[in-house]
């Protein structure tokens, strides 16, 4: 079994260097793998449907928790025109996690 590649933007700043503040508090998988510095091989691996189940574990390992949209039946957020899961830093308060998610949802 091939080992899954690590995430880029979801890693805490002390592990992967500096990056945009918004991504350090909340991020979607697509934002993470679309980043210009994300390894192309890893992005292709994560985009394969059979591998997509692995990314939740990696986000949790990097200190993120899934934030559910309580107003949607599927509990997903609409980000960039698509229904997506948004992850926020676990150590933030519930209100701060919600604000971080709202910043990601409102990005254009």
PDB file of N, CA and C in Angstrom:
ATOM      1  N   UNK A   1       0.837  -1.187   0.000  1.00  0.00           N
ATOM      2  CA  UNK A   1       0.000   0.000   0.000  1.00  0.00           C
ATOM      3  C   UNK A   1       0.881   1.249   0.000  1.00  0.00           C
ATOM      4  N   UNK A   2       0.583   2.182  -0.883  1.00  0.00           N
ATOM      5  CA  UNK A   2       1.344   3.418  -0.976  1.00  0.00           C
ATOM      6  C   UNK A   2       0.989   4.328   0.188  1.00  0.00           C
ATOM      7  N   UNK A   3       2.001   4.919   0.817  1.00  0.00           N
ATOM      8  CA  UNK A   3       1.749   5.835   1.926  1.00  0.00           C
ATOM      9  C   UNK A   3       1.208   7.148   1.385  1.00  0.00           C
ATOM     10  N   UNK A   4       0.251   7.718   2.101  1.00  0.00           N
ATOM     11  CA  UNK A   4      -0.352   8.958   1.632  1.00  0.00           C
ATOM     12  C   UNK A   4       0.595  10.126   1.876  1.00  0.00           C
ATOM     13  N   UNK A   5       0.640  11.068   0.936  1.00  0.00           N
ATOM     14  CA  UNK A   5       1.474  12.243   1.115  1.00  0.00           C
ATOM     15  C   UNK A   5       0.880  13.160   2.166  1.00  0.00           C
ATOM     16  N   UNK A   6       1.690  14.004   2.771  1.00  0.00           N
ATOM     17  CA  UNK A   6       1.217  14.932   3.790  1.00  0.00           C
ATOM     18  C   UNK A   6       0.536  16.135   3.187  1.00  0.00           C
ATOM     19  N   UNK A   7      -0.206  16.853   4.005  1.00  0.00           N
ATOM     20  CA  UNK A   7      -0.881  18.044   3.563  1.00  0.00           C
ATOM     21  C   UNK A   7       0.074  19.222   3.638  1.00  0.00           C
ATOM     22  N   UNK A   8      -0.208  20.273   2.910  1.00  0.00           N
ATOM     23  CA  UNK A   8       0.671  21.426   2.872  1.00  0.00           C
ATOM     24  C   UNK A   8       0.152  22.572   3.731  1.00  0.00           C
ATOM     25  N   UNK A   9      -0.943  23.186   3.331  1.00  0.00           N
ATOM     26  CA  UNK A   9      -1.442  24.349   4.052  1.00  0.00           C
ATOM     27  C   UNK A   9      -2.037  24.005   5.405  1.00  0.00           C
ATOM     28  N   UNK A  10      -2.484  22.794   5.580  1.00  0.00           N
ATOM     29  CA  UNK A  10      -3.115  22.406   6.839  1.00  0.00           C
ATOM     30  C   UNK A  10      -2.101  22.202   7.950  1.00  0.00           C
ATOM     31  N   UNK A  11      -0.824  22.077   7.601  1.00  0.00           N
ATOM     32  CA  UNK A  11       0.182  21.888   8.641  1.00  0.00           C
ATOM     33  C   UNK A  11       0.347  23.171   9.433  1.00  0.00           C
ATOM     34  N   UNK A  12       0.596  23.054  10.730  1.00  0.00           N
ATOM     35  CA  UNK A  12       0.847  24.259  11.529  1.00  0.00           C
ATOM     36  C   UNK A  12       2.059  25.001  10.970  1.00  0.00           C
ATOM     37  N   UNK A  13       2.112  26.335  11.110  1.00  0.00           N
ATOM     38  CA  UNK A  13       3.210  27.115  10.549  1.00  0.00           C
ATOM     39  C   UNK A  13       4.593  26.633  10.984  1.00  0.00           C
ATOM     40  N   UNK A  14       4.727  26.138  12.206  1.00  0.00           N
ATOM     41  CA  UNK A  14       6.039  25.691  12.670  1.00  0.00           C
ATOM     42  C   UNK A  14       6.502  24.418  11.958  1.00  0.00           C
ATOM     43  N   UNK A  15       5.604  23.743  11.257  1.00  0.00           N
ATOM     44  CA  UNK A  15       5.981  22.526  10.536  1.00  0.00           C
ATOM     45  C   UNK A  15       6.259  22.764   9.058  1.00  0.00           C
ATOM     46  N   UNK A  16       5.640  23.771   8.472  1.00  0.00           N
ATOM     47  CA  UNK A  16       5.797  23.935   7.025  1.00  0.00           C
ATOM     48  C   UNK A  16       6.180  25.342   6.617  1.00  0.00           C
ATOM     49  N   UNK A  17       6.535  26.194   7.558  1.00  0.00           N
ATOM     50  CA  UNK A  17       6.904  27.551   7.177  1.00  0.00           C
ATOM     51  C   UNK A  17       5.706  28.476   7.202  1.00  0.00           C
ATOM     52  N   UNK A  18       5.912  29.678   6.723  1.00  0.00           N
ATOM     53  CA  UNK A  18       4.834  30.676   6.799  1.00  0.00           C
ATOM     54  C   UNK A  18       3.854  30.509   5.646  1.00  0.00           C
ATOM     55  N   UNK A  19       2.625  30.818   5.906  1.00  0.00           N
ATOM     56  CA  UNK A  19       1.602  30.861   4.860  1.00  0.00           C
ATOM     57  C   UNK A  19       0.455  31.726   5.329  1.00  0.00           C
ATOM     58  N   UNK A  20      -0.468  31.989   4.448  1.00  0.00           N
ATOM     59  CA  UNK A  20      -1.566  32.917   4.688  1.00  0.00           C
ATOM     60  C   UNK A  20      -2.316  32.599   5.978  1.00  0.00           C
ATOM     61  N   UNK A  21      -2.609  33.623   6.761  1.00  0.00           N
ATOM     62  CA  UNK A  21      -3.294  33.479   8.051  1.00  0.00           C
ATOM     63  C   UNK A  21      -4.617  32.733   7.925  1.00  0.00           C
ATOM     64  N   UNK A  22      -5.361  33.011   6.884  1.00  0.00           N
ATOM     65  CA  UNK A  22      -6.658  32.352   6.720  1.00  0.00           C
ATOM     66  C   UNK A  22      -6.503  30.837   6.663  1.00  0.00           C
ATOM     67  N   UNK A  23      -5.472  30.382   5.974  1.00  0.00           N
ATOM     68  CA  UNK A  23      -5.284  28.950   5.840  1.00  0.00           C
ATOM     69  C   UNK A  23      -4.765  28.311   7.120  1.00  0.00           C
ATOM     70  N   UNK A  24      -4.179  29.097   8.020  1.00  0.00           N
ATOM     71  CA  UNK A  24      -3.714  28.498   9.259  1.00  0.00           C
ATOM     72  C   UNK A  24      -4.870  28.285  10.230  1.00  0.00           C
ATOM     73  N   UNK A  25      -5.996  28.996  10.031  1.00  0.00           N
ATOM     74  CA  UNK A  25      -7.126  28.817  10.928  1.00  0.00           C
ATOM     75  C   UNK A  25      -8.200  27.907  10.340  1.00  0.00           C
ATOM     76  N   UNK A  26      -8.369  27.931   9.026  1.00  0.00           N
ATOM     77  CA  UNK A  26      -9.337  27.043   8.392  1.00  0.00           C
ATOM     78  C   UNK A  26      -8.950  26.820   6.940  1.00  0.00           C
ATOM     79  N   UNK A  27      -9.327  25.648   6.424  1.00  0.00           N
ATOM     80  CA  UNK A  27      -8.911  25.280   5.075  1.00  0.00           C
ATOM     81  C   UNK A  27      -9.804  24.166   4.540  1.00  0.00           C
ATOM     82  N   UNK A  28      -9.935  24.098   3.222  1.00  0.00           N
ATOM     83  CA  UNK A  28     -10.591  22.959   2.581  1.00  0.00           C
ATOM     84  C   UNK A  28      -9.502  22.120   1.924  1.00  0.00           C
ATOM     85  N   UNK A  29      -9.800  20.891   1.625  1.00  0.00           N
ATOM     86  CA  UNK A  29      -8.835  20.034   0.943  1.00  0.00           C
ATOM     87  C   UNK A  29      -8.443  20.638  -0.396  1.00  0.00           C
ATOM     88  N   UNK A  30      -9.421  21.137  -1.135  1.00  0.00           N
ATOM     89  CA  UNK A  30      -9.126  21.687  -2.468  1.00  0.00           C
ATOM     90  C   UNK A  30      -8.200  22.893  -2.379  1.00  0.00           C
ATOM     91  N   UNK A  31      -8.392  23.759  -1.373  1.00  0.00           N
ATOM     92  CA  UNK A  31      -7.489  24.891  -1.198  1.00  0.00           C
ATOM     93  C   UNK A  31      -6.078  24.397  -0.891  1.00  0.00           C
ATOM     94  N   UNK A  32      -6.001  23.362  -0.091  1.00  0.00           N
ATOM     95  CA  UNK A  32      -4.710  22.824   0.297  1.00  0.00           C
ATOM     96  C   UNK A  32      -3.960  22.261  -0.906  1.00  0.00           C
ATOM     97  N   UNK A  33      -4.616  21.427  -1.683  1.00  0.00           N
ATOM     98  CA  UNK A  33      -3.911  20.780  -2.789  1.00  0.00           C
ATOM     99  C   UNK A  33      -3.800  21.679  -4.016  1.00  0.00           C
ATOM    100  N   UNK A  34      -4.515  22.806  -4.045  1.00  0.00           N
ATOM    101  CA  UNK A  34      -4.400  23.736  -5.164  1.00  0.00           C
ATOM    102  C   UNK A  34      -3.321  24.784  -4.943  1.00  0.00           C
ATOM    103  N   UNK A  35      -2.729  24.812  -3.757  1.00  0.00           N
ATOM    104  CA  UNK A  35      -1.695  25.795  -3.455  1.00  0.00           C
ATOM    105  C   UNK A  35      -0.517  25.610  -4.399  1.00  0.00           C
ATOM    106  N   UNK A  36       0.105  26.712  -4.837  1.00  0.00           N
ATOM    107  CA  UNK A  36       1.181  26.656  -5.828  1.00  0.00           C
ATOM    108  C   UNK A  36       2.383  25.850  -5.356  1.00  0.00           C
ATOM    109  N   UNK A  37       2.608  25.746  -4.058  1.00  0.00           N
ATOM    110  CA  UNK A  37       3.763  25.017  -3.542  1.00  0.00           C
ATOM    111  C   UNK A  37       3.463  23.564  -3.182  1.00  0.00           C
ATOM    112  N   UNK A  38       2.211  23.141  -3.358  1.00  0.00           N
ATOM    113  CA  UNK A  38       1.848  21.762  -3.039  1.00  0.00           C
ATOM    114  C   UNK A  38       2.433  20.843  -4.114  1.00  0.00           C
ATOM    115  N   UNK A  39       3.100  19.754  -3.721  1.00  0.00           N
ATOM    116  CA  UNK A  39       3.704  18.854  -4.716  1.00  0.00           C
ATOM    117  C   UNK A  39       2.662  18.275  -5.676  1.00  0.00           C
ATOM    118  N   UNK A  40       2.936  18.351  -6.963  1.00  0.00           N
ATOM    119  CA  UNK A  40       2.006  17.894  -7.992  1.00  0.00           C
ATOM    120  C   UNK A  40       1.646  16.421  -7.801  1.00  0.00           C
ATOM    121  N   UNK A  41       2.634  15.590  -7.454  1.00  0.00           N
ATOM    122  CA  UNK A  41       2.376  14.158  -7.259  1.00  0.00           C
ATOM    123  C   UNK A  41       1.374  13.932  -6.128  1.00  0.00           C
ATOM    124  N   UNK A  42       1.519  14.698  -5.059  1.00  0.00           N
ATOM    125  CA  UNK A  42       0.608  14.555  -3.922  1.00  0.00           C
ATOM    126  C   UNK A  42      -0.801  15.007  -4.285  1.00  0.00           C
ATOM    127  N   UNK A  43      -0.913  16.096  -5.029  1.00  0.00           N
ATOM    128  CA  UNK A  43      -2.229  16.595  -5.434  1.00  0.00           C
ATOM    129  C   UNK A  43      -2.954  15.547  -6.274  1.00  0.00           C
ATOM    130  N   UNK A  44      -2.243  14.940  -7.195  1.00  0.00           N
ATOM    131  CA  UNK A  44      -2.856  13.901  -8.036  1.00  0.00           C
ATOM    132  C   UNK A  44      -3.309  12.727  -7.177  1.00  0.00           C
ATOM    133  N   UNK A  45      -2.504  12.350  -6.192  1.00  0.00           N
ATOM    134  CA  UNK A  45      -2.835  11.233  -5.303  1.00  0.00           C
ATOM    135  C   UNK A  45      -4.123  11.533  -4.536  1.00  0.00           C
ATOM    136  N   UNK A  46      -4.245  12.750  -3.970  1.00  0.00           N
ATOM    137  CA  UNK A  46      -5.427  13.103  -3.187  1.00  0.00           C
ATOM    138  C   UNK A  46      -6.669  13.247  -4.042  1.00  0.00           C
ATOM    139  N   UNK A  47      -6.518  13.594  -5.304  1.00  0.00           N
ATOM    140  CA  UNK A  47      -7.681  13.771  -6.171  1.00  0.00           C
ATOM    141  C   UNK A  47      -8.257  12.441  -6.654  1.00  0.00           C
ATOM    142  N   UNK A  48      -7.539  11.356  -6.480  1.00  0.00           N
ATOM    143  CA  UNK A  48      -8.075  10.049  -6.859  1.00  0.00           C
ATOM    144  C   UNK A  48      -9.175   9.674  -5.868  1.00  0.00           C
ATOM    145  N   UNK A  49     -10.366   9.316  -6.366  1.00  0.00           N
ATOM    146  CA  UNK A  49     -11.483   9.005  -5.467  1.00  0.00           C
ATOM    147  C   UNK A  49     -11.163   7.946  -4.409  1.00  0.00           C
ATOM    148  N   UNK A  50     -10.395   6.947  -4.742  1.00  0.00           N
ATOM    149  CA  UNK A  50     -10.098   5.885  -3.777  1.00  0.00           C
ATOM    150  C   UNK A  50      -9.224   6.377  -2.618  1.00  0.00           C
ATOM    151  N   UNK A  51      -8.545   7.512  -2.768  1.00  0.00           N
ATOM    152  CA  UNK A  51      -7.650   8.024  -1.731  1.00  0.00           C
ATOM    153  C   UNK A  51      -8.264   9.142  -0.896  1.00  0.00           C
ATOM    154  N   UNK A  52      -9.400   9.672  -1.301  1.00  0.00           N
ATOM    155  CA  UNK A  52      -9.956  10.851  -0.637  1.00  0.00           C
ATOM    156  C   UNK A  52     -10.334  10.603   0.818  1.00  0.00           C
ATOM    157  N   UNK A  53     -10.557   9.362   1.202  1.00  0.00           N
ATOM    158  CA  UNK A  53     -10.934   9.086   2.596  1.00  0.00           C
ATOM    159  C   UNK A  53      -9.776   9.331   3.559  1.00  0.00           C
ATOM    160  N   UNK A  54      -8.549   9.400   3.054  1.00  0.00           N
ATOM    161  CA  UNK A  54      -7.380   9.559   3.912  1.00  0.00           C
ATOM    162  C   UNK A  54      -7.171  10.983   4.415  1.00  0.00           C
ATOM    163  N   UNK A  55      -7.714  11.973   3.731  1.00  0.00           N
ATOM    164  CA  UNK A  55      -7.355  13.333   4.103  1.00  0.00           C
ATOM    165  C   UNK A  55      -7.914  13.776   5.432  1.00  0.00           C
ATOM    166  N   UNK A  56      -9.057  13.267   5.869  1.00  0.00           N
ATOM    167  CA  UNK A  56      -9.600  13.658   7.176  1.00  0.00           C
ATOM    168  C   UNK A  56      -8.640  13.298   8.294  1.00  0.00           C
ATOM    169  N   UNK A  57      -8.054  12.133   8.191  1.00  0.00           N
ATOM    170  CA  UNK A  57      -7.079  11.696   9.193  1.00  0.00           C
ATOM    171  C   UNK A  57      -5.875  12.639   9.225  1.00  0.00           C
ATOM    172  N   UNK A  58      -5.426  13.067   8.060  1.00  0.00           N
ATOM    173  CA  UNK A  58      -4.269  13.970   8.009  1.00  0.00           C
ATOM    174  C   UNK A  58      -4.603  15.345   8.579  1.00  0.00           C
ATOM    175  N   UNK A  59      -5.794  15.842   8.300  1.00  0.00           N
ATOM    176  CA  UNK A  59      -6.189  17.117   8.878  1.00  0.00           C
ATOM    177  C   UNK A  59      -6.242  17.008  10.399  1.00  0.00           C
ATOM    178  N   UNK A  60      -6.800  15.927  10.916  1.00  0.00           N
ATOM    179  CA  UNK A  60      -6.844  15.733  12.374  1.00  0.00           C
ATOM    180  C   UNK A  60      -5.433  15.663  12.946  1.00  0.00           C
ATOM    181  N   UNK A  61      -4.553  14.952  12.272  1.00  0.00           N
ATOM    182  CA  UNK A  61      -3.163  14.822  12.724  1.00  0.00           C
ATOM    183  C   UNK A  61      -2.460  16.182  12.771  1.00  0.00           C
ATOM    184  N   UNK A  62      -2.839  17.093  11.887  1.00  0.00           N
ATOM    185  CA  UNK A  62      -2.231  18.429  11.819  1.00  0.00           C
ATOM    186  C   UNK A  62      -2.937  19.435  12.730  1.00  0.00           C
ATOM    187  N   UNK A  63      -3.879  18.977  13.548  1.00  0.00           N
ATOM    188  CA  UNK A  63      -4.511  19.867  14.521  1.00  0.00           C
ATOM    189  C   UNK A  63      -5.786  20.538  14.051  1.00  0.00           C
ATOM    190  N   UNK A  64      -6.437  19.973  13.052  1.00  0.00           N
ATOM    191  CA  UNK A  64      -7.683  20.532  12.519  1.00  0.00           C
ATOM    192  C   UNK A  64      -8.852  19.626  12.864  1.00  0.00           C
ATOM    193  N   UNK A  65     -10.032  20.218  12.922  1.00  0.00           N
ATOM    194  CA  UNK A  65     -11.251  19.466  13.141  1.00  0.00           C
ATOM    195  C   UNK A  65     -12.266  19.863  12.072  1.00  0.00           C
ATOM    196  N   UNK A  66     -13.095  18.918  11.688  1.00  0.00           N
ATOM    197  CA  UNK A  66     -14.116  19.191  10.680  1.00  0.00           C
ATOM    198  C   UNK A  66     -15.186  20.082  11.289  1.00  0.00           C
ATOM    199  N   UNK A  67     -15.540  21.141  10.575  1.00  0.00           N
ATOM    200  CA  UNK A  67     -16.595  22.042  11.024  1.00  0.00           C
ATOM    201  C   UNK A  67     -17.828  21.799  10.163  1.00  0.00           C
ATOM    202  N   UNK A  68     -18.894  21.365  10.798  1.00  0.00           N
ATOM    203  CA  UNK A  68     -20.125  21.052  10.080  1.00  0.00           C
ATOM    204  C   UNK A  68     -20.970  22.302   9.876  1.00  0.00           C
ATOM    205  N   UNK A  69     -21.645  22.360   8.749  1.00  0.00           N
ATOM    206  CA  UNK A  69     -22.605  23.418   8.470  1.00  0.00           C
ATOM    207  C   UNK A  69     -23.946  22.939   9.017  1.00  0.00           C
ATOM    208  N   UNK A  70     -24.358  23.493  10.126  1.00  0.00           N
ATOM    209  CA  UNK A  70     -25.570  23.036  10.797  1.00  0.00           C
ATOM    210  C   UNK A  70     -26.849  23.371  10.039  1.00  0.00           C
ATOM    211  N   UNK A  71     -26.749  24.264   9.054  1.00  0.00           N
ATOM    212  CA  UNK A  71     -27.952  24.649   8.300  1.00  0.00           C
ATOM    213  C   UNK A  71     -28.120  23.841   7.013  1.00  0.00           C
ATOM    214  N   UNK A  72     -27.183  22.962   6.701  1.00  0.00           N
ATOM    215  CA  UNK A  72     -27.276  22.151   5.482  1.00  0.00           C
ATOM    216  C   UNK A  72     -27.506  20.687   5.841  1.00  0.00           C
ATOM    217  N   UNK A  73     -28.358  20.015   5.096  1.00  0.00           N
ATOM    218  CA  UNK A  73     -28.635  18.603   5.371  1.00  0.00           C
ATOM    219  C   UNK A  73     -27.391  17.733   5.252  1.00  0.00           C
ATOM    220  N   UNK A  74     -26.543  18.027   4.263  1.00  0.00           N
ATOM    221  CA  UNK A  74     -25.336  17.220   4.068  1.00  0.00           C
ATOM    222  C   UNK A  74     -24.164  17.696   4.939  1.00  0.00           C
ATOM    223  N   UNK A  75     -24.376  18.788   5.703  1.00  0.00           N
ATOM    224  CA  UNK A  75     -23.403  19.352   6.650  1.00  0.00           C
ATOM    225  C   UNK A  75     -22.155  19.905   5.964  1.00  0.00           C
ATOM    226  N   UNK A  76     -22.236  20.140   4.653  1.00  0.00           N
ATOM    227  CA  UNK A  76     -21.111  20.696   3.904  1.00  0.00           C
ATOM    228  C   UNK A  76     -21.323  22.190   3.684  1.00  0.00           C
ATOM    229  N   UNK A  77     -20.231  22.901   3.390  1.00  0.00           N
ATOM    230  CA  UNK A  77     -20.248  24.331   3.123  1.00  0.00           C
ATOM    231  C   UNK A  77     -20.116  24.561   1.630  1.00  0.00           C
ATOM    232  N   UNK A  78     -20.700  25.635   1.115  1.00  0.00           N
ATOM    233  CA  UNK A  78     -20.518  26.003  -0.280  1.00  0.00           C
ATOM    234  C   UNK A  78     -19.303  26.930  -0.345  1.00  0.00           C
ATOM    235  N   UNK A  79     -18.227  26.417  -0.949  1.00  0.00           N
ATOM    236  CA  UNK A  79     -16.989  27.167  -1.099  1.00  0.00           C
ATOM    237  C   UNK A  79     -16.621  27.137  -2.577  1.00  0.00           C
ATOM    238  N   UNK A  80     -16.422  28.320  -3.146  1.00  0.00           N
ATOM    239  CA  UNK A  80     -16.050  28.438  -4.561  1.00  0.00           C
ATOM    240  C   UNK A  80     -17.022  27.667  -5.462  1.00  0.00           C
ATOM    241  N   UNK A  81     -18.319  27.747  -5.133  1.00  0.00           N
ATOM    242  CA  UNK A  81     -19.345  27.128  -5.957  1.00  0.00           C
ATOM    243  C   UNK A  81     -19.518  25.627  -5.790  1.00  0.00           C
ATOM    244  N   UNK A  82     -18.787  25.013  -4.849  1.00  0.00           N
ATOM    245  CA  UNK A  82     -18.880  23.557  -4.642  1.00  0.00           C
ATOM    246  C   UNK A  82     -19.173  23.258  -3.185  1.00  0.00           C
ATOM    247  N   UNK A  83     -19.876  22.143  -2.939  1.00  0.00           N
ATOM    248  CA  UNK A  83     -20.129  21.681  -1.569  1.00  0.00           C
ATOM    249  C   UNK A  83     -18.847  21.028  -1.057  1.00  0.00           C
ATOM    250  N   UNK A  84     -18.288  21.536   0.048  1.00  0.00           N
ATOM    251  CA  UNK A  84     -17.016  21.041   0.553  1.00  0.00           C
ATOM    252  C   UNK A  84     -17.005  20.991   2.073  1.00  0.00           C
ATOM    253  N   UNK A  85     -16.145  20.139   2.586  1.00  0.00           N
ATOM    254  CA  UNK A  85     -15.873  20.103   4.016  1.00  0.00           C
ATOM    255  C   UNK A  85     -14.841  21.169   4.324  1.00  0.00           C
ATOM    256  N   UNK A  86     -15.029  21.890   5.422  1.00  0.00           N
ATOM    257  CA  UNK A  86     -14.062  22.890   5.859  1.00  0.00           C
ATOM    258  C   UNK A  86     -13.518  22.437   7.203  1.00  0.00           C
ATOM    259  N   UNK A  87     -12.200  22.521   7.339  1.00  0.00           N
ATOM    260  CA  UNK A  87     -11.519  22.153   8.579  1.00  0.00           C
ATOM    261  C   UNK A  87     -10.985  23.412   9.236  1.00  0.00           C
ATOM    262  N   UNK A  88     -11.079  23.480  10.577  1.00  0.00           N
ATOM    263  CA  UNK A  88     -10.588  24.633  11.332  1.00  0.00           C
ATOM    264  C   UNK A  88      -9.661  24.144  12.433  1.00  0.00           C
ATOM    265  N   UNK A  89      -8.782  25.033  12.881  1.00  0.00           N
ATOM    266  CA  UNK A  89      -7.829  24.681  13.934  1.00  0.00           C
ATOM    267  C   UNK A  89      -8.590  24.261  15.194  1.00  0.00           C
ATOM    268  N   UNK A  90      -8.187  23.130  15.745  1.00  0.00           N
ATOM    269  CA  UNK A  90      -8.859  22.530  16.893  1.00  0.00           C
ATOM    270  C   UNK A  90      -8.775  23.405  18.141  1.00  0.00           C
ATOM    271  N   UNK A  91      -7.670  24.128  18.339  1.00  0.00           N
ATOM    272  CA  UNK A  91      -7.492  24.888  19.580  1.00  0.00           C
ATOM    273  C   UNK A  91      -8.303  26.182  19.629  1.00  0.00           C
ATOM    274  N   UNK A  92      -8.927  26.570  18.517  1.00  0.00           N
ATOM    275  CA  UNK A  92      -9.758  27.769  18.514  1.00  0.00           C
ATOM    276  C   UNK A  92     -11.066  27.502  19.257  1.00  0.00           C
ATOM    277  N   UNK A  93     -11.638  28.558  19.816  1.00  0.00           N
ATOM    278  CA  UNK A  93     -12.952  28.419  20.451  1.00  0.00           C
ATOM    279  C   UNK A  93     -13.982  28.142  19.359  1.00  0.00           C
ATOM    280  N   UNK A  94     -15.153  27.691  19.753  1.00  0.00           N
ATOM    281  CA  UNK A  94     -16.206  27.382  18.782  1.00  0.00           C
ATOM    282  C   UNK A  94     -16.532  28.609  17.934  1.00  0.00           C
ATOM    283  N   UNK A  95     -16.640  29.779  18.571  1.00  0.00           N
ATOM    284  CA  UNK A  95     -16.934  31.015  17.835  1.00  0.00           C
ATOM    285  C   UNK A  95     -15.818  31.365  16.859  1.00  0.00           C
ATOM    286  N   UNK A  96     -14.565  31.223  17.283  1.00  0.00           N
ATOM    287  CA  UNK A  96     -13.437  31.535  16.403  1.00  0.00           C
ATOM    288  C   UNK A  96     -13.344  30.552  15.240  1.00  0.00           C
ATOM    289  N   UNK A  97     -13.660  29.279  15.486  1.00  0.00           N
ATOM    290  CA  UNK A  97     -13.679  28.304  14.387  1.00  0.00           C
ATOM    291  C   UNK A  97     -14.752  28.683  13.373  1.00  0.00           C
ATOM    292  N   UNK A  98     -15.919  29.093  13.874  1.00  0.00           N
ATOM    293  CA  UNK A  98     -17.005  29.479  12.971  1.00  0.00           C
ATOM    294  C   UNK A  98     -16.608  30.711  12.150  1.00  0.00           C
ATOM    295  N   UNK A  99     -15.956  31.687  12.775  1.00  0.00           N
ATOM    296  CA  UNK A  99     -15.500  32.879  12.050  1.00  0.00           C
ATOM    297  C   UNK A  99     -14.458  32.501  10.996  1.00  0.00           C
ATOM    298  N   UNK A 100     -13.567  31.587  11.332  1.00  0.00           N
ATOM    299  CA  UNK A 100     -12.542  31.143  10.380  1.00  0.00           C
ATOM    300  C   UNK A 100     -13.185  30.451   9.183  1.00  0.00           C
ATOM    301  N   UNK A 101     -14.189  29.630   9.447  1.00  0.00           N
ATOM    302  CA  UNK A 101     -14.901  28.959   8.363  1.00  0.00           C
ATOM    303  C   UNK A 101     -15.600  29.990   7.488  1.00  0.00           C
ATOM    304  N   UNK A 102     -16.222  30.982   8.093  1.00  0.00           N
ATOM    305  CA  UNK A 102     -16.913  32.019   7.323  1.00  0.00           C
ATOM    306  C   UNK A 102     -15.950  32.773   6.404  1.00  0.00           C
ATOM    307  N   UNK A 103     -14.713  33.002   6.848  1.00  0.00           N
ATOM    308  CA  UNK A 103     -13.720  33.654   5.982  1.00  0.00           C
ATOM    309  C   UNK A 103     -13.437  32.796   4.748  1.00  0.00           C
ATOM    310  N   UNK A 104     -13.336  31.489   4.936  1.00  0.00           N
ATOM    311  CA  UNK A 104     -13.084  30.597   3.798  1.00  0.00           C
ATOM    312  C   UNK A 104     -14.283  30.574   2.873  1.00  0.00           C
ATOM    313  N   UNK A 105     -15.476  30.504   3.422  1.00  0.00           N
ATOM    314  CA  UNK A 105     -16.696  30.427   2.619  1.00  0.00           C
ATOM    315  C   UNK A 105     -16.882  31.698   1.805  1.00  0.00           C
ATOM    316  N   UNK A 106     -16.507  32.857   2.343  1.00  0.00           N
ATOM    317  CA  UNK A 106     -16.723  34.134   1.668  1.00  0.00           C
ATOM    318  C   UNK A 106     -15.596  34.528   0.728  1.00  0.00           C
ATOM    319  N   UNK A 107     -14.521  33.756   0.668  1.00  0.00           N
ATOM    320  CA  UNK A 107     -13.418  34.083  -0.238  1.00  0.00           C
ATOM    321  C   UNK A 107     -13.872  34.015  -1.679  1.00  0.00           C
ATOM    322  N   UNK A 108     -13.317  34.861  -2.503  1.00  0.00           N
ATOM    323  CA  UNK A 108     -13.672  34.837  -3.935  1.00  0.00           C
ATOM    324  C   UNK A 108     -12.421  34.573  -4.734  1.00  0.00           C
TER     325      UNK A 108
END
